[in-house]
C-alpha atoms as a PDB file:
ATOM      1  CA  UNK A   1     -28.736 -33.979   6.824  1.00  0.00           C
ATOM      2  CA  UNK A   2     -26.144 -34.440   3.816  1.00  0.00           C
ATOM      3  CA  UNK A   3     -22.669 -33.442   4.983  1.00  0.00           C
ATOM      4  CA  UNK A   4     -21.499 -30.363   3.072  1.00  0.00           C
ATOM      5  CA  UNK A   5     -18.053 -29.855   1.646  1.00  0.00           C
ATOM      6  CA  UNK A   6     -15.953 -27.995   4.843  1.00  0.00           C
ATOM      7  CA  UNK A   7     -14.097 -25.909   1.704  1.00  0.00           C
ATOM      8  CA  UNK A   8     -17.467 -24.240   0.922  1.00  0.00           C
ATOM      9  CA  UNK A   9     -17.401 -22.447   4.461  1.00  0.00           C
ATOM     10  CA  UNK A  10     -14.993 -19.972   5.588  1.00  0.00           C
ATOM     11  CA  UNK A  11     -15.552 -17.778   9.034  1.00  0.00           C
ATOM     12  CA  UNK A  12     -15.172 -14.312   7.943  1.00  0.00           C
ATOM     13  CA  UNK A  13     -15.939 -10.548   9.189  1.00  0.00           C
ATOM     14  CA  UNK A  14     -18.812  -9.431   6.758  1.00  0.00           C
ATOM     15  CA  UNK A  15     -18.664  -5.516   6.275  1.00  0.00           C
ATOM     16  CA  UNK A  16     -21.784  -3.712   4.640  1.00  0.00           C
ATOM     17  CA  UNK A  17     -22.258   0.199   3.975  1.00  0.00           C
ATOM     18  CA  UNK A  18     -24.042   2.596   2.487  1.00  0.00           C
ATOM     19  CA  UNK A  19     -24.270   6.446   1.925  1.00  0.00           C
ATOM     20  CA  UNK A  20     -26.713   8.283   3.935  1.00  0.00           C
ATOM     21  CA  UNK A  21     -28.932  10.301   2.086  1.00  0.00           C
ATOM     22  CA  UNK A  22     -27.402   9.446  -1.167  1.00  0.00           C
ATOM     23  CA  UNK A  23     -31.032   9.954  -3.270  1.00  0.00           C
ATOM     24  CA  UNK A  24     -30.965  13.292  -1.806  1.00  0.00           C
ATOM     25  CA  UNK A  25     -27.417  14.369  -2.565  1.00  0.00           C
ATOM     26  CA  UNK A  26     -27.491  13.048  -6.115  1.00  0.00           C
ATOM     27  CA  UNK A  27     -30.428  15.246  -6.772  1.00  0.00           C
ATOM     28  CA  UNK A  28     -28.742  18.285  -5.477  1.00  0.00           C
ATOM     29  CA  UNK A  29     -25.378  17.426  -6.669  1.00  0.00           C
ATOM     30  CA  UNK A  30     -26.691  16.302 -10.587  1.00  0.00           C
ATOM     31  CA  UNK A  31     -25.870  13.159 -12.680  1.00  0.00           C
ATOM     32  CA  UNK A  32     -22.120  14.824 -13.390  1.00  0.00           C
ATOM     33  CA  UNK A  33     -21.674  15.841  -9.602  1.00  0.00           C
ATOM     34  CA  UNK A  34     -22.989  12.803  -8.158  1.00  0.00           C
ATOM     35  CA  UNK A  35     -21.020  10.850 -10.447  1.00  0.00           C
ATOM     36  CA  UNK A  36     -17.923  12.300  -9.630  1.00  0.00           C
ATOM     37  CA  UNK A  37     -18.472  11.977  -5.342  1.00  0.00           C
ATOM     38  CA  UNK A  38     -19.317   8.439  -5.855  1.00  0.00           C
ATOM     39  CA  UNK A  39     -16.000   8.057  -7.944  1.00  0.00           C
ATOM     40  CA  UNK A  40     -14.337   9.749  -5.022  1.00  0.00           C
ATOM     41  CA  UNK A  41     -16.236   7.297  -2.459  1.00  0.00           C
ATOM     42  CA  UNK A  42     -15.570   4.198  -4.092  1.00  0.00           C
ATOM     43  CA  UNK A  43     -11.944   5.190  -4.491  1.00  0.00           C
ATOM     44  CA  UNK A  44     -11.593   5.492  -0.546  1.00  0.00           C
ATOM     45  CA  UNK A  45     -13.434   2.422   0.372  1.00  0.00           C
ATOM     46  CA  UNK A  46     -11.125   0.586  -2.272  1.00  0.00           C
ATOM     47  CA  UNK A  47      -8.324   1.990  -0.948  1.00  0.00           C
ATOM     48  CA  UNK A  48      -8.943   1.656   2.560  1.00  0.00           C
ATOM     49  CA  UNK A  49     -10.377  -2.191   1.823  1.00  0.00           C
ATOM     50  CA  UNK A  50      -6.846  -2.993   0.389  1.00  0.00           C
ATOM     51  CA  UNK A  51      -4.840  -1.318   3.037  1.00  0.00           C
ATOM     52  CA  UNK A  52      -6.601  -3.379   5.660  1.00  0.00           C
ATOM     53  CA  UNK A  53      -6.765  -6.826   3.774  1.00  0.00           C
ATOM     54  CA  UNK A  54     -10.498  -6.421   2.724  1.00  0.00           C
ATOM     55  CA  UNK A  55     -12.093  -8.516  -0.012  1.00  0.00           C
ATOM     56  CA  UNK A  56     -14.528  -6.589  -2.283  1.00  0.00           C
ATOM     57  CA  UNK A  57     -17.690  -8.771  -2.487  1.00  0.00           C
ATOM     58  CA  UNK A  58     -20.051  -6.601  -4.245  1.00  0.00           C
ATOM     59  CA  UNK A  59     -21.122  -3.184  -4.342  1.00  0.00           C
ATOM     60  CA  UNK A  60     -24.834  -2.087  -5.211  1.00  0.00           C
ATOM     61  CA  UNK A  61     -25.481   1.346  -5.951  1.00  0.00           C
ATOM     62  CA  UNK A  62     -23.882   3.360  -3.134  1.00  0.00           C
ATOM     63  CA  UNK A  63     -23.422   0.447  -0.852  1.00  0.00           C
ATOM     64  CA  UNK A  64     -20.413  -1.828  -0.612  1.00  0.00           C
ATOM     65  CA  UNK A  65     -20.221  -5.382   0.708  1.00  0.00           C
ATOM     66  CA  UNK A  66     -16.892  -6.734   2.023  1.00  0.00           C
ATOM     67  CA  UNK A  67     -15.226  -9.158   4.090  1.00  0.00           C
ATOM     68  CA  UNK A  68     -12.145  -9.632   6.370  1.00  0.00           C
ATOM     69  CA  UNK A  69     -10.132 -12.407   7.787  1.00  0.00           C
ATOM     70  CA  UNK A  70     -10.918 -10.925  11.256  1.00  0.00           C
ATOM     71  CA  UNK A  71     -13.107  -8.510  13.111  1.00  0.00           C
ATOM     72  CA  UNK A  72     -10.490  -6.097  14.340  1.00  0.00           C
ATOM     73  CA  UNK A  73      -9.242  -5.352  10.995  1.00  0.00           C
ATOM     74  CA  UNK A  74     -13.117  -4.940   9.810  1.00  0.00           C
ATOM     75  CA  UNK A  75     -13.641  -2.206  12.375  1.00  0.00           C
ATOM     76  CA  UNK A  76     -10.424  -0.421  11.886  1.00  0.00           C
ATOM     77  CA  UNK A  77     -11.068   0.172   8.243  1.00  0.00           C
ATOM     78  CA  UNK A  78     -14.619   0.975   8.743  1.00  0.00           C
ATOM     79  CA  UNK A  79     -13.742   3.746  11.231  1.00  0.00           C
ATOM     80  CA  UNK A  80     -10.984   5.087   8.609  1.00  0.00           C
ATOM     81  CA  UNK A  81     -13.525   4.784   5.971  1.00  0.00           C
ATOM     82  CA  UNK A  82     -16.372   6.770   7.948  1.00  0.00           C
ATOM     83  CA  UNK A  83     -13.144   9.459   8.804  1.00  0.00           C
ATOM     84  CA  UNK A  84     -12.139   9.600   5.064  1.00  0.00           C
ATOM     85  CA  UNK A  85     -15.456  10.170   3.558  1.00  0.00           C
ATOM     86  CA  UNK A  86     -16.652  12.681   6.003  1.00  0.00           C
ATOM     87  CA  UNK A  87     -13.873  14.961   4.044  1.00  0.00           C
ATOM     88  CA  UNK A  88     -16.141  14.343   1.203  1.00  0.00           C
ATOM     89  CA  UNK A  89     -19.052  16.279   2.916  1.00  0.00           C
ATOM     90  CA  UNK A  90     -20.952  12.177   2.659  1.00  0.00           C
ATOM     91  CA  UNK A  91     -21.340   9.875   5.561  1.00  0.00           C
ATOM     92  CA  UNK A  92     -22.000   6.271   5.672  1.00  0.00           C
ATOM     93  CA  UNK A  93     -23.456   3.762   7.815  1.00  0.00           C
ATOM     94  CA  UNK A  94     -21.822   0.683   8.661  1.00  0.00           C
ATOM     95  CA  UNK A  95     -22.538  -2.772   9.671  1.00  0.00           C
ATOM     96  CA  UNK A  96     -20.043  -5.683  10.744  1.00  0.00           C
ATOM     97  CA  UNK A  97     -20.965  -9.257  12.131  1.00  0.00           C
ATOM     98  CA  UNK A  98     -18.914 -12.379  11.926  1.00  0.00           C
ATOM     99  CA  UNK A  99     -19.915 -16.073  11.190  1.00  0.00           C
ATOM    100  CA  UNK A 100     -19.517 -19.196   9.318  1.00  0.00           C
ATOM    101  CA  UNK A 101     -20.338 -18.266   5.272  1.00  0.00           C
ATOM    102  CA  UNK A 102     -20.945 -20.609   2.418  1.00  0.00           C
ATOM    103  CA  UNK A 103     -18.383 -19.703  -0.425  1.00  0.00           C
ATOM    104  CA  UNK A 104     -20.857 -19.241  -3.525  1.00  0.00           C
ATOM    105  CA  UNK A 105     -18.756 -18.394  -6.768  1.00  0.00           C
ATOM    106  CA  UNK A 106     -16.113 -17.179  -4.586  1.00  0.00           C
ATOM    107  CA  UNK A 107     -18.295 -15.001  -2.622  1.00  0.00           C
ATOM    108  CA  UNK A 108     -19.465 -14.988   1.246  1.00  0.00           C
ATOM    109  CA  UNK A 109     -23.074 -16.173   1.501  1.00  0.00           C
ATOM    110  CA  UNK A 110     -25.752 -17.517   3.776  1.00  0.00           C
ATOM    111  CA  UNK A 111     -26.906 -16.328   7.137  1.00  0.00           C
ATOM    112  CA  UNK A 112     -23.828 -14.457   8.546  1.00  0.00           C
ATOM    113  CA  UNK A 113     -23.827 -12.218   5.705  1.00  0.00           C
ATOM    114  CA  UNK A 114     -27.715 -11.700   5.817  1.00  0.00           C
ATOM    115  CA  UNK A 115     -27.127 -10.726   9.283  1.00  0.00           C
ATOM    116  CA  UNK A 116     -24.373  -7.895   8.469  1.00  0.00           C
ATOM    117  CA  UNK A 117     -26.633  -6.397   6.062  1.00  0.00           C
ATOM    118  CA  UNK A 118     -29.419  -5.932   8.070  1.00  0.00           C
ATOM    119  CA  UNK A 119     -27.277  -4.650  11.182  1.00  0.00           C
ATOM    120  CA  UNK A 120     -26.067  -2.153   8.307  1.00  0.00           C
ATOM    121  CA  UNK A 121     -29.516  -1.446   7.672  1.00  0.00           C
ATOM    122  CA  UNK A 122     -30.238   0.013  11.217  1.00  0.00           C
ATOM    123  CA  UNK A 123     -27.226   1.862  11.416  1.00  0.00           C
ATOM    124  CA  UNK A 124     -27.048   5.797  11.921  1.00  0.00           C
ATOM    125  CA  UNK A 125     -24.800   8.126   9.857  1.00  0.00           C
ATOM    126  CA  UNK A 126     -21.154   7.525  10.389  1.00  0.00           C
ATOM    127  CA  UNK A 127     -21.746   4.481  13.459  1.00  0.00           C
ATOM    128  CA  UNK A 128     -20.101   1.417  12.973  1.00  0.00           C
ATOM    129  CA  UNK A 129     -22.452  -1.363  14.438  1.00  0.00           C
ATOM    130  CA  UNK A 130     -21.360  -4.486  15.178  1.00  0.00           C
ATOM    131  CA  UNK A 131     -22.952  -7.563  16.468  1.00  0.00           C
ATOM    132  CA  UNK A 132     -22.024  -8.930  20.173  1.00  0.00           C
ATOM    133  CA  UNK A 133     -20.032 -11.976  18.242  1.00  0.00           C
ATOM    134  CA  UNK A 134     -17.738  -8.829  16.736  1.00  0.00           C
ATOM    135  CA  UNK A 135     -17.647  -7.612  20.441  1.00  0.00           C
ATOM    136  CA  UNK A 136     -16.537 -10.682  21.896  1.00  0.00           C
ATOM    137  CA  UNK A 137     -14.131 -11.417  19.491  1.00  0.00           C
ATOM    138  CA  UNK A 138     -12.154  -8.246  19.657  1.00  0.00           C
ATOM    139  CA  UNK A 139     -11.930  -8.208  23.238  1.00  0.00           C
ATOM    140  CA  UNK A 140      -8.586  -6.567  24.237  1.00  0.00           C
ATOM    141  CA  UNK A 141      -8.098  -5.010  21.432  1.00  0.00           C
ATOM    142  CA  UNK A 142      -8.444  -1.472  22.114  1.00  0.00           C
ATOM    143  CA  UNK A 143     -11.905  -0.900  20.803  1.00  0.00           C
ATOM    144  CA  UNK A 144     -14.431   0.941  23.276  1.00  0.00           C
ATOM    145  CA  UNK A 145     -18.111  -0.269  22.605  1.00  0.00           C
ATOM    146  CA  UNK A 146     -21.606   1.637  23.464  1.00  0.00           C
ATOM    147  CA  UNK A 147     -24.356  -0.593  23.653  1.00  0.00           C
ATOM    148  CA  UNK A 148     -26.767   0.276  20.924  1.00  0.00           C
ATOM    149  CA  UNK A 149     -29.366  -2.379  22.255  1.00  0.00           C
ATOM    150  CA  UNK A 150     -31.153  -5.499  21.352  1.00  0.00           C
ATOM    151  CA  UNK A 151     -32.761  -5.556  18.220  1.00  0.00           C
ATOM    152  CA  UNK A 152     -35.146  -7.753  15.853  1.00  0.00           C
ATOM    153  CA  UNK A 153     -33.110  -8.064  12.444  1.00  0.00           C
ATOM    154  CA  UNK A 154     -35.787  -8.518   9.761  1.00  0.00           C
ATOM    155  CA  UNK A 155     -36.063 -12.594   8.799  1.00  0.00           C
ATOM    156  CA  UNK A 156     -33.297 -13.289  11.445  1.00  0.00           C
ATOM    157  CA  UNK A 157     -34.684 -15.440  13.961  1.00  0.00           C
ATOM    158  CA  UNK A 158     -33.803 -13.916  17.992  1.00  0.00           C
ATOM    159  CA  UNK A 159     -33.350 -10.670  19.115  1.00  0.00           C
ATOM    160  CA  UNK A 160     -29.567  -9.328  18.594  1.00  0.00           C
ATOM    161  CA  UNK A 161     -27.421  -6.991  20.955  1.00  0.00           C
ATOM    162  CA  UNK A 162     -25.289  -4.560  18.847  1.00  0.00           C
ATOM    163  CA  UNK A 163     -22.725  -2.197  19.717  1.00  0.00           C
ATOM    164  CA  UNK A 164     -21.199   0.901  18.303  1.00  0.00           C
ATOM    165  CA  UNK A 165     -17.734   0.576  18.066  1.00  0.00           C
ATOM    166  CA  UNK A 166     -15.276   3.677  18.284  1.00  0.00           C
END
């Protein structure tokens, strides 16, 4: 197996979010109303990412992909975002995982990113769902976790224990 340059890998906590019911909300509000709401949502996301030293990696539709240098900061940021967007009349679902990431054009990539995306996809409205890895890394940080069961993550080997962070 060829050796990889270790400078192309980092340990990162990745966050994926998605607005719950975005299509229905956009249909109800119309294009102009949805654009205004989406702009407010994006402003909240970016303000909180900056506040908690998160890095915006990408956006797609109504979702965000961000990274943090530590899982506790990622959880705090996401819990704050959930609260702030609720004031806009919307909810997000969120997933956080920590793992080794490949740097691809300055952005995190690889299996850890796929795991984070899969976790977010099964989160409930206003739920911050985290992997066992994240839970273990933030032990003693004051977070409360509720078991959310073992899940098969599409395309990812094994089953994964997930937890709701609060």
